C-alpha atoms as a PDB file:
ATOM      1  CA  MET A   1     -12.206  -5.063  -1.156  1.00  0.00           C
ATOM      2  CA  LYS A   2     -14.733  -3.685  -3.631  1.00  0.00           C
ATOM      3  CA  ALA A   3     -16.408  -1.747  -0.841  1.00  0.00           C
ATOM      4  CA  ILE A   4     -13.101  -0.187   0.184  1.00  0.00           C
ATOM      5  CA  TYR A   5     -12.319   0.819  -3.421  1.00  0.00           C
ATOM      6  CA  PHE A   6     -15.804   2.304  -3.689  1.00  0.00           C
ATOM      7  CA  HIS A   7     -15.402   4.424  -0.560  1.00  0.00           C
ATOM      8  CA  ILE A   8     -11.840   5.466  -1.412  1.00  0.00           C
ATOM      9  CA  GLN A   9     -13.055   6.714  -4.784  1.00  0.00           C
ATOM     10  CA  ASN A  10     -15.978   8.571  -3.202  1.00  0.00           C
ATOM     11  CA  ILE A  11     -13.812  10.212  -0.557  1.00  0.00           C
ATOM     12  CA  THR A  12     -10.678  10.937  -2.588  1.00  0.00           C
ATOM     13  CA  SER A  13     -11.863  10.827  -6.243  1.00  0.00           C
ATOM     14  CA  VAL A  14      -9.007   8.347  -6.857  1.00  0.00           C
ATOM     15  CA  LYS A  15     -10.045   5.515  -9.156  1.00  0.00           C
ATOM     16  CA  ARG A  16      -8.786   2.003  -8.512  1.00  0.00           C
ATOM     17  CA  GLU A  17      -6.419   2.092 -11.469  1.00  0.00           C
ATOM     18  CA  ASP A  18      -4.937   5.411 -10.244  1.00  0.00           C
ATOM     19  CA  ILE A  19      -4.136   4.219  -6.721  1.00  0.00           C
ATOM     20  CA  PRO A  20      -0.392   3.593  -7.340  1.00  0.00           C
ATOM     21  CA  ASP A  21       0.015   7.232  -8.344  1.00  0.00           C
ATOM     22  CA  ASN A  22      -2.013   8.603  -5.424  1.00  0.00           C
ATOM     23  CA  LEU A  23      -0.889   6.664  -2.358  1.00  0.00           C
ATOM     24  CA  GLU A  24      -1.028   9.671  -0.033  1.00  0.00           C
ATOM     25  CA  ALA A  25      -4.676  10.310  -0.947  1.00  0.00           C
ATOM     26  CA  VAL A  26      -5.498   6.643  -0.462  1.00  0.00           C
ATOM     27  CA  GLN A  27      -3.852   6.666   2.964  1.00  0.00           C
ATOM     28  CA  LYS A  28      -5.896   9.713   3.981  1.00  0.00           C
ATOM     29  CA  GLY A  29      -9.033   8.049   2.608  1.00  0.00           C
ATOM     30  CA  LEU A  30      -8.403   4.924   4.657  1.00  0.00           C
ATOM     31  CA  GLU A  31      -7.950   7.077   7.754  1.00  0.00           C
ATOM     32  CA  LYS A  32     -11.247   8.876   7.079  1.00  0.00           C
ATOM     33  CA  ILE A  33     -13.084   5.590   6.574  1.00  0.00           C
ATOM     34  CA  PHE A  34     -11.531   3.516   9.375  1.00  0.00           C
ATOM     35  CA  GLY A  35      -9.949   6.011  11.756  1.00  0.00           C
ATOM     36  CA  GLU A  36      -7.307   4.278  13.856  1.00  0.00           C
ATOM     37  CA  GLY A  37      -8.380   0.995  12.270  1.00  0.00           C
ATOM     38  CA  ALA A  38      -6.755   2.164   9.032  1.00  0.00           C
ATOM     39  CA  LYS A  39      -3.414   0.940  10.394  1.00  0.00           C
ATOM     40  CA  VAL A  40      -4.720  -2.638  10.373  1.00  0.00           C
ATOM     41  CA  ILE A  41      -5.892  -2.275   6.776  1.00  0.00           C
ATOM     42  CA  GLU A  42      -2.589  -0.688   5.764  1.00  0.00           C
ATOM     43  CA  THR A  43      -0.651  -3.543   7.354  1.00  0.00           C
ATOM     44  CA  ALA A  44      -2.802  -6.091   5.506  1.00  0.00           C
ATOM     45  CA  ILE A  45      -2.194  -4.243   2.232  1.00  0.00           C
ATOM     46  CA  ILE A  46       1.563  -4.156   2.825  1.00  0.00           C
ATOM     47  CA  ARG A  47       1.686  -7.879   3.670  1.00  0.00           C
ATOM     48  CA  SER A  48      -0.371  -8.782   0.622  1.00  0.00           C
ATOM     49  CA  LEU A  49       1.787  -6.633  -1.659  1.00  0.00           C
ATOM     50  CA  CYS A  50       4.993  -8.098  -0.265  1.00  0.00           C
ATOM     51  CA  GLN A  51       3.669 -11.629  -0.671  1.00  0.00           C
ATOM     52  CA  LYS A  52       2.760 -10.923  -4.314  1.00  0.00           C
ATOM     53  CA  LEU A  53       6.191  -9.391  -4.889  1.00  0.00           C
ATOM     54  CA  GLY A  54       7.927 -12.336  -3.223  1.00  0.00           C
ATOM     55  CA  ILE A  55       9.684 -10.252  -0.570  1.00  0.00           C
ATOM     56  CA  HIS A  56       9.595 -10.138   3.223  1.00  0.00           C
ATOM     57  CA  PRO A  57       6.982  -7.745   4.664  1.00  0.00           C
ATOM     58  CA  ILE A  58       8.132  -4.278   5.647  1.00  0.00           C
ATOM     59  CA  GLU A  59       7.546  -4.058   9.424  1.00  0.00           C
ATOM     60  CA  ASP A  60       9.286  -0.753  10.208  1.00  0.00           C
ATOM     61  CA  ARG A  61       6.934   1.131  12.554  1.00  0.00           C
ATOM     62  CA  ASP A  62       8.734   4.414  11.854  1.00  0.00           C
ATOM     63  CA  LYS A  63       7.751   4.367   8.177  1.00  0.00           C
ATOM     64  CA  SER A  64       4.437   5.581   6.838  1.00  0.00           C
ATOM     65  CA  PHE A  65       2.150   3.484   4.667  1.00  0.00           C
ATOM     66  CA  VAL A  66       3.430   5.260   1.558  1.00  0.00           C
ATOM     67  CA  GLU A  67       7.065   4.790   2.571  1.00  0.00           C
ATOM     68  CA  LYS A  68       6.461   1.086   3.145  1.00  0.00           C
ATOM     69  CA  ILE A  69       4.828   0.690  -0.259  1.00  0.00           C
ATOM     70  CA  ASN A  70       7.733   2.487  -1.936  1.00  0.00           C
ATOM     71  CA  ALA A  71      10.263   0.391   0.011  1.00  0.00           C
ATOM     72  CA  ALA A  72       8.489  -2.812  -1.040  1.00  0.00           C
ATOM     73  CA  VAL A  73       8.510  -1.807  -4.699  1.00  0.00           C
ATOM     74  CA  LYS A  74      12.195  -0.878  -4.472  1.00  0.00           C
ATOM     75  CA  ALA A  75      13.074  -4.160  -2.707  1.00  0.00           C
ATOM     76  CA  ALA A  76      11.225  -6.131  -5.388  1.00  0.00           C
ATOM     77  CA  ALA A  77      13.091  -4.286  -8.131  1.00  0.00           C
ATOM     78  CA  ILE A  78      16.431  -5.024  -6.440  1.00  0.00           C
ATOM     79  CA  LYS A  79      15.450  -8.681  -6.015  1.00  0.00           C
ATOM     80  CA  SER A  80      14.471  -8.868  -9.677  1.00  0.00           C
ATOM     81  CA  GLU A  81      17.751  -7.291 -10.785  1.00  0.00           C
ATOM     82  CA  SER A  82      19.815  -9.669  -8.647  1.00  0.00           C
ATOM     83  CA  SER A  83      17.954 -12.725  -9.932  1.00  0.00           C
ATOM     84  CA  ASP A  84      18.612 -11.628 -13.529  1.00  0.00           C
ATOM     85  CA  LEU A  85      22.374 -11.884 -12.944  1.00  0.00           C
END
């Protein structure tokens, strides 16, 4: 992962701590680094995020990487709100 962060920062100038605010740039950086293989990396990132958030992975092929990240964050917030009741 450190190598990916390094290359993302070199390609996009996005630092690791700024990734959540620059998802589109990160997606483009992954595409530049890995080409079509970026989809595999994006899927792994989504699955890891969903696991950490305690939700089911977003598998909608019609959604972009950024849309899936945003949907996962929203689903986690809804889950958190419902468990607080």
